[in-house]
């Protein structure tokens, strides 16, 4: 049950993350960056909570998640929502 949950949740996370980024890039609509940004920020928050309250190791992935979230936010600001025809 644990392995099924882990594989299912991780695949949902990464497929949603990658899918929303692809849709944002293809459609030119900045709103599609926001699900990816939210997933990354919540993952970083969850890692921080696990470190603070559950003695988990504070991994360097937090920095990567925050950096990619910042990059996606920057991309969403640069993308005006218009698509070249």
N, C-alpha and C. Protein backbone atom coordinates (compact mmCIF):
# COMPACT_ATOMS: atom_id res chain seq x y z
N UNK A 1 0.83 -1.19 0.00
CA UNK A 1 0.00 0.00 0.00
C UNK A 1 0.88 1.26 0.00
N UNK A 2 1.94 1.22 0.81
CA UNK A 2 2.83 2.38 0.87
C UNK A 2 3.55 2.63 -0.45
N UNK A 3 4.03 1.55 -1.07
CA UNK A 3 4.73 1.70 -2.35
C UNK A 3 3.77 2.20 -3.43
N UNK A 4 2.56 1.67 -3.44
CA UNK A 4 1.56 2.12 -4.42
C UNK A 4 1.26 3.60 -4.25
N UNK A 5 1.12 4.03 -3.00
CA UNK A 5 0.86 5.44 -2.72
C UNK A 5 2.03 6.30 -3.15
N UNK A 6 3.24 5.86 -2.82
CA UNK A 6 4.43 6.63 -3.16
C UNK A 6 4.59 6.77 -4.68
N UNK A 7 4.45 5.68 -5.41
CA UNK A 7 4.60 5.72 -6.86
C UNK A 7 3.48 6.55 -7.49
N UNK A 8 2.26 6.34 -7.03
CA UNK A 8 1.13 7.10 -7.57
C UNK A 8 1.24 8.59 -7.31
N UNK A 9 1.58 8.95 -6.08
CA UNK A 9 1.69 10.37 -5.74
C UNK A 9 2.84 11.05 -6.47
N UNK A 10 3.99 10.37 -6.54
CA UNK A 10 5.14 10.98 -7.22
C UNK A 10 4.89 11.11 -8.72
N UNK A 11 4.28 10.10 -9.32
CA UNK A 11 4.00 10.23 -10.75
C UNK A 11 2.97 11.32 -11.00
N UNK A 12 1.97 11.44 -10.14
CA UNK A 12 0.99 12.53 -10.29
C UNK A 12 1.66 13.88 -10.14
N UNK A 13 2.56 14.00 -9.17
CA UNK A 13 3.29 15.25 -8.95
C UNK A 13 4.08 15.65 -10.19
N UNK A 14 4.90 14.73 -10.69
CA UNK A 14 5.78 15.08 -11.80
C UNK A 14 5.03 15.21 -13.13
N UNK A 15 4.01 14.41 -13.35
CA UNK A 15 3.22 14.55 -14.57
C UNK A 15 2.45 15.86 -14.58
N UNK A 16 1.89 16.25 -13.44
CA UNK A 16 1.19 17.53 -13.35
C UNK A 16 2.17 18.69 -13.51
N UNK A 17 3.32 18.58 -12.86
CA UNK A 17 4.35 19.61 -12.95
C UNK A 17 4.81 19.79 -14.39
N UNK A 18 5.24 18.70 -15.02
CA UNK A 18 5.72 18.78 -16.40
C UNK A 18 4.63 19.14 -17.38
N UNK A 19 3.45 18.57 -17.19
CA UNK A 19 2.34 18.85 -18.10
C UNK A 19 1.92 20.29 -18.08
N UNK A 20 1.85 20.88 -16.90
CA UNK A 20 1.43 22.29 -16.84
C UNK A 20 2.49 23.21 -17.45
N UNK A 21 3.76 22.86 -17.30
CA UNK A 21 4.82 23.66 -17.92
C UNK A 21 4.73 23.55 -19.44
N UNK A 22 4.52 22.35 -19.95
CA UNK A 22 4.41 22.16 -21.41
C UNK A 22 3.20 22.92 -21.95
N UNK A 23 2.07 22.82 -21.27
CA UNK A 23 0.88 23.55 -21.73
C UNK A 23 1.15 25.06 -21.71
N UNK A 24 1.83 25.56 -20.68
CA UNK A 24 2.16 26.99 -20.62
C UNK A 24 3.03 27.40 -21.80
N UNK A 25 4.01 26.58 -22.11
CA UNK A 25 4.91 26.91 -23.21
C UNK A 25 4.22 26.83 -24.57
N UNK A 26 3.41 25.82 -24.76
CA UNK A 26 2.75 25.63 -26.05
C UNK A 26 1.63 26.64 -26.26
N UNK A 27 0.83 26.88 -25.22
CA UNK A 27 -0.32 27.76 -25.37
C UNK A 27 0.04 29.24 -25.22
N UNK A 28 1.14 29.52 -24.53
CA UNK A 28 1.50 30.90 -24.28
C UNK A 28 0.66 31.54 -23.19
N UNK A 29 -0.08 30.75 -22.42
CA UNK A 29 -0.94 31.28 -21.36
C UNK A 29 -0.23 31.14 -20.01
N UNK A 30 0.05 32.28 -19.40
CA UNK A 30 0.86 32.29 -18.18
C UNK A 30 0.20 31.56 -17.02
N UNK A 31 -1.11 31.45 -17.00
CA UNK A 31 -1.78 30.81 -15.86
C UNK A 31 -1.39 29.35 -15.70
N UNK A 32 -0.90 28.71 -16.75
CA UNK A 32 -0.51 27.30 -16.66
C UNK A 32 0.80 27.11 -15.91
N UNK A 33 1.55 28.17 -15.67
CA UNK A 33 2.76 28.06 -14.85
C UNK A 33 2.40 27.92 -13.36
N UNK A 34 1.27 28.43 -12.96
CA UNK A 34 0.93 28.51 -11.55
C UNK A 34 0.77 27.16 -10.85
N UNK A 35 0.18 26.13 -11.48
CA UNK A 35 0.14 24.82 -10.80
C UNK A 35 1.54 24.27 -10.53
N UNK A 36 2.46 24.44 -11.47
CA UNK A 36 3.83 23.97 -11.28
C UNK A 36 4.51 24.73 -10.15
N UNK A 37 4.32 26.04 -10.13
CA UNK A 37 4.91 26.86 -9.06
C UNK A 37 4.35 26.42 -7.71
N UNK A 38 3.04 26.23 -7.63
CA UNK A 38 2.42 25.82 -6.37
C UNK A 38 2.93 24.46 -5.91
N UNK A 39 3.04 23.50 -6.82
CA UNK A 39 3.55 22.17 -6.44
C UNK A 39 4.96 22.26 -5.88
N UNK A 40 5.82 23.04 -6.51
CA UNK A 40 7.20 23.16 -6.05
C UNK A 40 7.28 23.85 -4.69
N UNK A 41 6.49 24.91 -4.51
CA UNK A 41 6.52 25.63 -3.23
C UNK A 41 5.96 24.79 -2.09
N UNK A 42 4.90 24.05 -2.35
CA UNK A 42 4.32 23.18 -1.31
C UNK A 42 5.29 22.04 -0.98
N UNK A 43 5.99 21.51 -1.98
CA UNK A 43 6.99 20.47 -1.71
C UNK A 43 8.11 21.02 -0.83
N UNK A 44 8.58 22.24 -1.12
CA UNK A 44 9.63 22.85 -0.30
C UNK A 44 9.12 23.10 1.12
N UNK A 45 7.89 23.54 1.24
CA UNK A 45 7.30 23.76 2.56
C UNK A 45 7.19 22.43 3.32
N UNK A 46 6.73 21.38 2.64
CA UNK A 46 6.62 20.07 3.27
C UNK A 46 7.96 19.54 3.74
N UNK A 47 9.00 19.72 2.93
CA UNK A 47 10.35 19.29 3.33
C UNK A 47 10.82 20.07 4.55
N UNK A 48 10.52 21.35 4.58
CA UNK A 48 10.92 22.18 5.72
C UNK A 48 10.19 21.76 6.99
N UNK A 49 8.90 21.49 6.89
CA UNK A 49 8.12 21.03 8.04
C UNK A 49 8.64 19.67 8.51
N UNK A 50 8.95 18.78 7.59
CA UNK A 50 9.50 17.47 7.96
C UNK A 50 10.82 17.62 8.70
N UNK A 51 11.65 18.57 8.27
CA UNK A 51 12.93 18.83 8.93
C UNK A 51 12.71 19.42 10.32
N UNK A 52 11.81 20.39 10.42
CA UNK A 52 11.59 21.07 11.70
C UNK A 52 10.93 20.19 12.76
N UNK A 53 9.97 19.39 12.35
CA UNK A 53 9.15 18.68 13.33
C UNK A 53 9.31 17.17 13.35
N UNK A 54 9.97 16.59 12.35
CA UNK A 54 10.03 15.13 12.27
C UNK A 54 11.45 14.60 12.10
N UNK A 55 12.44 15.42 12.37
CA UNK A 55 13.85 15.01 12.31
C UNK A 55 14.28 14.48 10.94
N UNK A 56 13.65 14.94 9.89
CA UNK A 56 14.07 14.56 8.54
C UNK A 56 15.33 15.36 8.16
N UNK A 57 16.06 14.84 7.23
CA UNK A 57 17.26 15.53 6.74
C UNK A 57 16.81 16.72 5.89
N UNK A 58 17.46 17.87 6.10
CA UNK A 58 17.18 19.05 5.28
C UNK A 58 17.97 18.91 3.99
N UNK A 59 17.29 18.59 2.91
CA UNK A 59 17.97 18.28 1.65
C UNK A 59 18.22 19.54 0.82
N UNK A 60 19.19 19.48 -0.06
CA UNK A 60 19.43 20.61 -0.96
C UNK A 60 18.35 20.74 -2.03
N UNK A 61 17.44 19.76 -2.12
CA UNK A 61 16.36 19.84 -3.10
C UNK A 61 15.47 21.06 -2.85
N UNK A 62 15.42 21.52 -1.62
CA UNK A 62 14.61 22.69 -1.31
C UNK A 62 15.09 23.89 -2.12
N UNK A 63 16.39 24.07 -2.17
CA UNK A 63 16.94 25.17 -2.96
C UNK A 63 16.62 25.04 -4.44
N UNK A 64 16.68 23.82 -4.96
CA UNK A 64 16.35 23.58 -6.36
C UNK A 64 14.88 23.85 -6.61
N UNK A 65 14.02 23.39 -5.71
CA UNK A 65 12.58 23.63 -5.87
C UNK A 65 12.27 25.12 -5.85
N UNK A 66 12.90 25.85 -4.94
CA UNK A 66 12.66 27.29 -4.86
C UNK A 66 13.21 28.01 -6.09
N UNK A 67 14.37 27.57 -6.57
CA UNK A 67 14.96 28.20 -7.76
C UNK A 67 14.10 27.95 -9.00
N UNK A 68 13.61 26.73 -9.17
CA UNK A 68 12.77 26.43 -10.34
C UNK A 68 11.44 27.17 -10.23
N UNK A 69 10.87 27.24 -9.02
CA UNK A 69 9.63 28.00 -8.83
C UNK A 69 9.84 29.47 -9.19
N UNK A 70 10.98 30.03 -8.78
CA UNK A 70 11.29 31.42 -9.11
C UNK A 70 11.46 31.60 -10.62
N UNK A 71 12.12 30.64 -11.27
CA UNK A 71 12.31 30.70 -12.72
C UNK A 71 10.96 30.63 -13.44
N UNK A 72 10.08 29.75 -12.98
CA UNK A 72 8.76 29.65 -13.59
C UNK A 72 7.94 30.91 -13.36
N UNK A 73 8.06 31.49 -12.17
CA UNK A 73 7.35 32.75 -11.91
C UNK A 73 7.87 33.83 -12.85
N UNK A 74 9.18 33.91 -13.01
CA UNK A 74 9.78 34.89 -13.93
C UNK A 74 9.29 34.64 -15.35
N UNK A 75 9.24 33.39 -15.75
CA UNK A 75 8.75 33.06 -17.10
C UNK A 75 7.29 33.46 -17.26
N UNK A 76 6.50 33.29 -16.21
CA UNK A 76 5.08 33.67 -16.30
C UNK A 76 4.92 35.18 -16.42
N UNK A 77 5.83 35.93 -15.86
CA UNK A 77 5.79 37.40 -15.99
C UNK A 77 6.20 37.83 -17.37
N UNK A 78 7.12 37.12 -17.99
CA UNK A 78 7.60 37.48 -19.33
C UNK A 78 6.63 37.04 -20.41
N UNK A 79 5.87 36.02 -20.12
CA UNK A 79 4.91 35.48 -21.09
C UNK A 79 3.61 36.28 -20.96
N UNK A 80 3.27 37.03 -21.97
CA UNK A 80 2.11 37.92 -21.90
C UNK A 80 0.81 37.25 -22.25
N UNK A 81 0.86 35.99 -22.64
CA UNK A 81 -0.37 35.28 -22.98
C UNK A 81 -0.71 35.33 -24.46
N UNK A 82 0.12 35.98 -25.24
CA UNK A 82 -0.15 36.01 -26.68
C UNK A 82 0.64 34.90 -27.36
N UNK A 83 0.02 34.30 -28.34
CA UNK A 83 0.65 33.21 -29.08
C UNK A 83 0.90 33.70 -30.51
N UNK A 84 2.10 33.48 -31.00
CA UNK A 84 2.41 33.85 -32.38
C UNK A 84 1.68 32.93 -33.33
N UNK A 85 1.06 33.49 -34.32
CA UNK A 85 0.30 32.69 -35.29
C UNK A 85 1.13 32.45 -36.51
